Amino acid sequence: MSLLLFVYGTLMPSTNHPMAHRLASEADFIGAGEIGGRLYDLGRMPGLILSDRPAERVSGEVWRLRSACSLDWLDRYEGIHPDVPRPE
């Protein structure tokens, strides 16, 4: 089973962010991608809400994870891991 990941922002290598480097070391770049949605300012990171509206598109990249183990650190980084307390 392929684990495909759509990324935008700091996880894209062009940002030179440490987590982008980690992703590149654990995944294979598939290509540029686009998803129907819009971005919201959530402070530390933007949040993406899916949308069916043709004018609302978010550009990013598609990566194939080599291991499901990468999901653990990705979820921690994104602040959605069950072990990471969420801000009130």
N, C-alpha and C. Protein backbone atom coordinates (compact mmCIF):
# COMPACT_ATOMS: atom_id res chain seq x y z
N MET A 1 0.84 -1.18 0.00
CA MET A 1 0.00 0.00 0.00
C MET A 1 0.89 1.25 0.00
N SER A 2 0.59 2.18 -0.87
CA SER A 2 1.32 3.45 -0.92
C SER A 2 0.69 4.45 0.03
N LEU A 3 1.54 5.12 0.77
CA LEU A 3 1.09 6.20 1.64
C LEU A 3 1.48 7.51 0.99
N LEU A 4 0.51 8.18 0.39
CA LEU A 4 0.78 9.44 -0.28
C LEU A 4 0.46 10.59 0.67
N LEU A 5 1.28 11.61 0.62
CA LEU A 5 1.14 12.76 1.50
C LEU A 5 1.18 14.03 0.67
N PHE A 6 0.18 14.88 0.84
CA PHE A 6 0.15 16.19 0.20
C PHE A 6 0.68 17.19 1.21
N VAL A 7 1.68 17.97 0.81
CA VAL A 7 2.25 18.97 1.72
C VAL A 7 2.24 20.35 1.07
N TYR A 8 2.20 21.35 1.91
CA TYR A 8 2.32 22.74 1.50
C TYR A 8 3.03 23.43 2.67
N GLY A 9 3.61 24.56 2.43
CA GLY A 9 4.26 25.30 3.51
C GLY A 9 5.59 24.70 3.92
N THR A 10 5.82 24.62 5.23
CA THR A 10 7.15 24.28 5.76
C THR A 10 7.64 22.88 5.40
N LEU A 11 6.78 21.99 5.00
CA LEU A 11 7.23 20.64 4.65
C LEU A 11 7.73 20.54 3.21
N MET A 12 7.66 21.64 2.46
CA MET A 12 8.19 21.64 1.10
C MET A 12 9.69 21.96 1.16
N PRO A 13 10.53 21.21 0.44
CA PRO A 13 11.98 21.41 0.51
C PRO A 13 12.44 22.84 0.21
N SER A 14 11.70 23.55 -0.61
CA SER A 14 12.11 24.91 -0.96
C SER A 14 12.14 25.84 0.25
N THR A 15 11.49 25.45 1.36
CA THR A 15 11.49 26.27 2.57
C THR A 15 12.78 26.12 3.36
N ASN A 16 13.54 25.06 3.09
CA ASN A 16 14.77 24.76 3.81
C ASN A 16 14.52 24.53 5.30
N HIS A 17 13.31 24.15 5.66
CA HIS A 17 12.94 23.87 7.04
C HIS A 17 13.48 22.48 7.42
N PRO A 18 13.95 22.30 8.67
CA PRO A 18 14.47 20.99 9.08
C PRO A 18 13.48 19.84 8.87
N MET A 19 12.19 20.09 9.06
CA MET A 19 11.21 19.01 8.88
C MET A 19 11.02 18.68 7.40
N ALA A 20 11.24 19.66 6.53
CA ALA A 20 11.19 19.38 5.09
C ALA A 20 12.36 18.48 4.71
N HIS A 21 13.52 18.72 5.32
CA HIS A 21 14.68 17.85 5.05
C HIS A 21 14.41 16.43 5.55
N ARG A 22 13.78 16.33 6.72
CA ARG A 22 13.47 15.01 7.25
C ARG A 22 12.50 14.28 6.34
N LEU A 23 11.46 14.98 5.89
CA LEU A 23 10.51 14.35 4.97
C LEU A 23 11.22 13.85 3.72
N ALA A 24 12.08 14.68 3.15
CA ALA A 24 12.79 14.30 1.92
C ALA A 24 13.68 13.07 2.14
N SER A 25 14.14 12.87 3.38
CA SER A 25 14.99 11.71 3.65
C SER A 25 14.18 10.43 3.87
N GLU A 26 12.87 10.58 4.11
CA GLU A 26 12.02 9.42 4.42
C GLU A 26 10.93 9.17 3.38
N ALA A 27 10.93 9.96 2.31
CA ALA A 27 9.85 9.84 1.32
C ALA A 27 10.41 10.12 -0.07
N ASP A 28 9.63 9.77 -1.06
CA ASP A 28 10.01 9.99 -2.46
C ASP A 28 9.07 11.03 -3.06
N PHE A 29 9.66 12.03 -3.70
CA PHE A 29 8.89 13.10 -4.33
C PHE A 29 8.16 12.54 -5.54
N ILE A 30 6.86 12.75 -5.59
CA ILE A 30 6.04 12.30 -6.72
C ILE A 30 5.88 13.44 -7.73
N GLY A 31 5.56 14.63 -7.22
CA GLY A 31 5.41 15.78 -8.12
C GLY A 31 4.59 16.89 -7.48
N ALA A 32 4.46 17.94 -8.25
CA ALA A 32 3.63 19.07 -7.81
C ALA A 32 2.19 18.61 -7.74
N GLY A 33 1.44 19.21 -6.85
CA GLY A 33 0.05 18.84 -6.70
C GLY A 33 -0.81 20.04 -6.34
N GLU A 34 -2.09 19.81 -6.38
CA GLU A 34 -3.05 20.85 -6.06
C GLU A 34 -4.27 20.17 -5.46
N ILE A 35 -4.88 20.85 -4.49
CA ILE A 35 -6.07 20.29 -3.85
C ILE A 35 -7.11 21.39 -3.71
N GLY A 36 -8.36 21.00 -3.79
CA GLY A 36 -9.43 21.97 -3.59
C GLY A 36 -9.53 22.33 -2.12
N GLY A 37 -9.27 23.58 -1.81
CA GLY A 37 -9.32 24.00 -0.42
C GLY A 37 -8.90 25.44 -0.27
N ARG A 38 -8.91 25.89 0.97
CA ARG A 38 -8.43 27.24 1.28
C ARG A 38 -7.65 27.18 2.58
N LEU A 39 -6.70 28.09 2.71
CA LEU A 39 -5.85 28.15 3.88
C LEU A 39 -6.37 29.18 4.87
N TYR A 40 -6.19 28.86 6.16
CA TYR A 40 -6.57 29.76 7.24
C TYR A 40 -5.36 29.98 8.14
N ASP A 41 -5.23 31.18 8.65
CA ASP A 41 -4.15 31.53 9.58
C ASP A 41 -4.50 30.97 10.95
N LEU A 42 -3.75 29.97 11.38
CA LEU A 42 -3.95 29.38 12.69
C LEU A 42 -2.83 29.75 13.65
N GLY A 43 -2.06 30.77 13.28
CA GLY A 43 -0.95 31.19 14.14
C GLY A 43 0.34 30.56 13.68
N ARG A 44 0.80 29.55 14.41
CA ARG A 44 2.09 28.92 14.12
C ARG A 44 2.14 28.32 12.72
N MET A 45 1.03 27.76 12.27
CA MET A 45 0.96 27.14 10.94
C MET A 45 -0.39 27.44 10.31
N PRO A 46 -0.45 27.40 8.99
CA PRO A 46 -1.76 27.55 8.35
C PRO A 46 -2.54 26.24 8.46
N GLY A 47 -3.83 26.35 8.35
CA GLY A 47 -4.69 25.17 8.31
C GLY A 47 -5.41 25.12 6.97
N LEU A 48 -5.60 23.94 6.45
CA LEU A 48 -6.27 23.78 5.17
C LEU A 48 -7.65 23.19 5.41
N ILE A 49 -8.65 23.83 4.83
CA ILE A 49 -10.02 23.32 4.84
C ILE A 49 -10.37 22.94 3.41
N LEU A 50 -10.83 21.72 3.21
CA LEU A 50 -11.19 21.27 1.87
C LEU A 50 -12.36 22.06 1.32
N SER A 51 -12.38 22.24 0.01
CA SER A 51 -13.44 23.00 -0.65
C SER A 51 -13.74 22.40 -2.02
N ASP A 52 -14.99 22.46 -2.41
CA ASP A 52 -15.40 22.02 -3.75
C ASP A 52 -15.46 23.18 -4.74
N ARG A 53 -15.22 24.40 -4.26
CA ARG A 53 -15.30 25.57 -5.13
C ARG A 53 -14.11 25.60 -6.08
N PRO A 54 -14.35 25.71 -7.37
CA PRO A 54 -13.26 25.68 -8.36
C PRO A 54 -12.20 26.76 -8.13
N ALA A 55 -12.58 27.92 -7.61
CA ALA A 55 -11.63 29.01 -7.42
C ALA A 55 -10.75 28.82 -6.19
N GLU A 56 -11.10 27.88 -5.32
CA GLU A 56 -10.34 27.68 -4.08
C GLU A 56 -9.42 26.48 -4.26
N ARG A 57 -8.15 26.77 -4.52
CA ARG A 57 -7.14 25.73 -4.76
C ARG A 57 -5.89 26.03 -3.93
N VAL A 58 -5.27 25.00 -3.43
CA VAL A 58 -4.01 25.13 -2.69
C VAL A 58 -2.96 24.32 -3.42
N SER A 59 -1.85 24.95 -3.74
CA SER A 59 -0.74 24.27 -4.43
C SER A 59 0.20 23.68 -3.40
N GLY A 60 0.78 22.56 -3.77
CA GLY A 60 1.74 21.90 -2.89
C GLY A 60 2.48 20.81 -3.63
N GLU A 61 2.87 19.79 -2.88
CA GLU A 61 3.62 18.67 -3.44
C GLU A 61 3.06 17.36 -2.92
N VAL A 62 3.26 16.31 -3.70
CA VAL A 62 2.84 14.96 -3.31
C VAL A 62 4.09 14.12 -3.08
N TRP A 63 4.12 13.46 -1.94
CA TRP A 63 5.25 12.59 -1.55
C TRP A 63 4.73 11.21 -1.22
N ARG A 64 5.53 10.18 -1.51
CA ARG A 64 5.21 8.81 -1.12
C ARG A 64 6.09 8.45 0.07
N LEU A 65 5.45 8.19 1.21
CA LEU A 65 6.20 7.80 2.40
C LEU A 65 6.72 6.38 2.23
N ARG A 66 7.96 6.17 2.64
CA ARG A 66 8.55 4.83 2.54
C ARG A 66 8.09 3.93 3.68
N SER A 67 7.65 4.56 4.78
CA SER A 67 7.21 3.80 5.94
C SER A 67 6.10 4.55 6.67
N ALA A 68 5.15 3.80 7.19
CA ALA A 68 4.08 4.40 7.98
C ALA A 68 4.62 5.00 9.27
N CYS A 69 5.83 4.61 9.67
CA CYS A 69 6.44 5.15 10.89
C CYS A 69 6.63 6.67 10.79
N SER A 70 6.77 7.20 9.59
CA SER A 70 6.92 8.64 9.40
C SER A 70 5.69 9.41 9.88
N LEU A 71 4.53 8.75 9.87
CA LEU A 71 3.31 9.43 10.29
C LEU A 71 3.37 9.87 11.75
N ASP A 72 4.12 9.16 12.57
CA ASP A 72 4.23 9.53 13.99
C ASP A 72 4.85 10.91 14.15
N TRP A 73 6.02 11.13 13.56
CA TRP A 73 6.65 12.44 13.73
C TRP A 73 5.91 13.52 12.96
N LEU A 74 5.30 13.17 11.81
CA LEU A 74 4.51 14.15 11.07
C LEU A 74 3.31 14.62 11.90
N ASP A 75 2.62 13.70 12.54
CA ASP A 75 1.49 14.08 13.38
C ASP A 75 1.94 14.92 14.57
N ARG A 76 3.09 14.59 15.14
CA ARG A 76 3.63 15.41 16.25
C ARG A 76 3.95 16.82 15.75
N TYR A 77 4.60 16.90 14.61
CA TYR A 77 4.96 18.20 14.05
C TYR A 77 3.72 19.03 13.76
N GLU A 78 2.69 18.40 13.23
CA GLU A 78 1.46 19.11 12.88
C GLU A 78 0.58 19.38 14.10
N GLY A 79 0.94 18.81 15.25
CA GLY A 79 0.17 19.05 16.47
C GLY A 79 -1.11 18.27 16.55
N ILE A 80 -1.17 17.13 15.85
CA ILE A 80 -2.39 16.32 15.88
C ILE A 80 -2.15 14.92 16.42
N HIS A 81 -0.98 14.69 17.00
CA HIS A 81 -0.67 13.39 17.58
C HIS A 81 -1.44 13.24 18.89
N PRO A 82 -1.98 12.06 19.18
CA PRO A 82 -2.75 11.88 20.42
C PRO A 82 -1.96 12.17 21.69
N ASP A 83 -0.63 12.04 21.64
CA ASP A 83 0.20 12.29 22.84
C ASP A 83 0.57 13.76 23.01
N VAL A 84 0.22 14.60 22.06
CA VAL A 84 0.57 16.02 22.13
C VAL A 84 -0.65 16.81 22.60
N PRO A 85 -0.52 17.50 23.75
CA PRO A 85 -1.67 18.29 24.23
C PRO A 85 -2.03 19.38 23.24
N ARG A 86 -3.30 19.57 23.03
CA ARG A 86 -3.77 20.60 22.11
C ARG A 86 -4.08 21.86 22.90
N PRO A 87 -3.75 23.03 22.32
CA PRO A 87 -4.07 24.27 23.02
C PRO A 87 -5.58 24.44 23.18
N GLU A 88 -5.96 25.05 24.27
CA GLU A 88 -7.38 25.30 24.54
C GLU A 88 -7.90 26.40 23.63
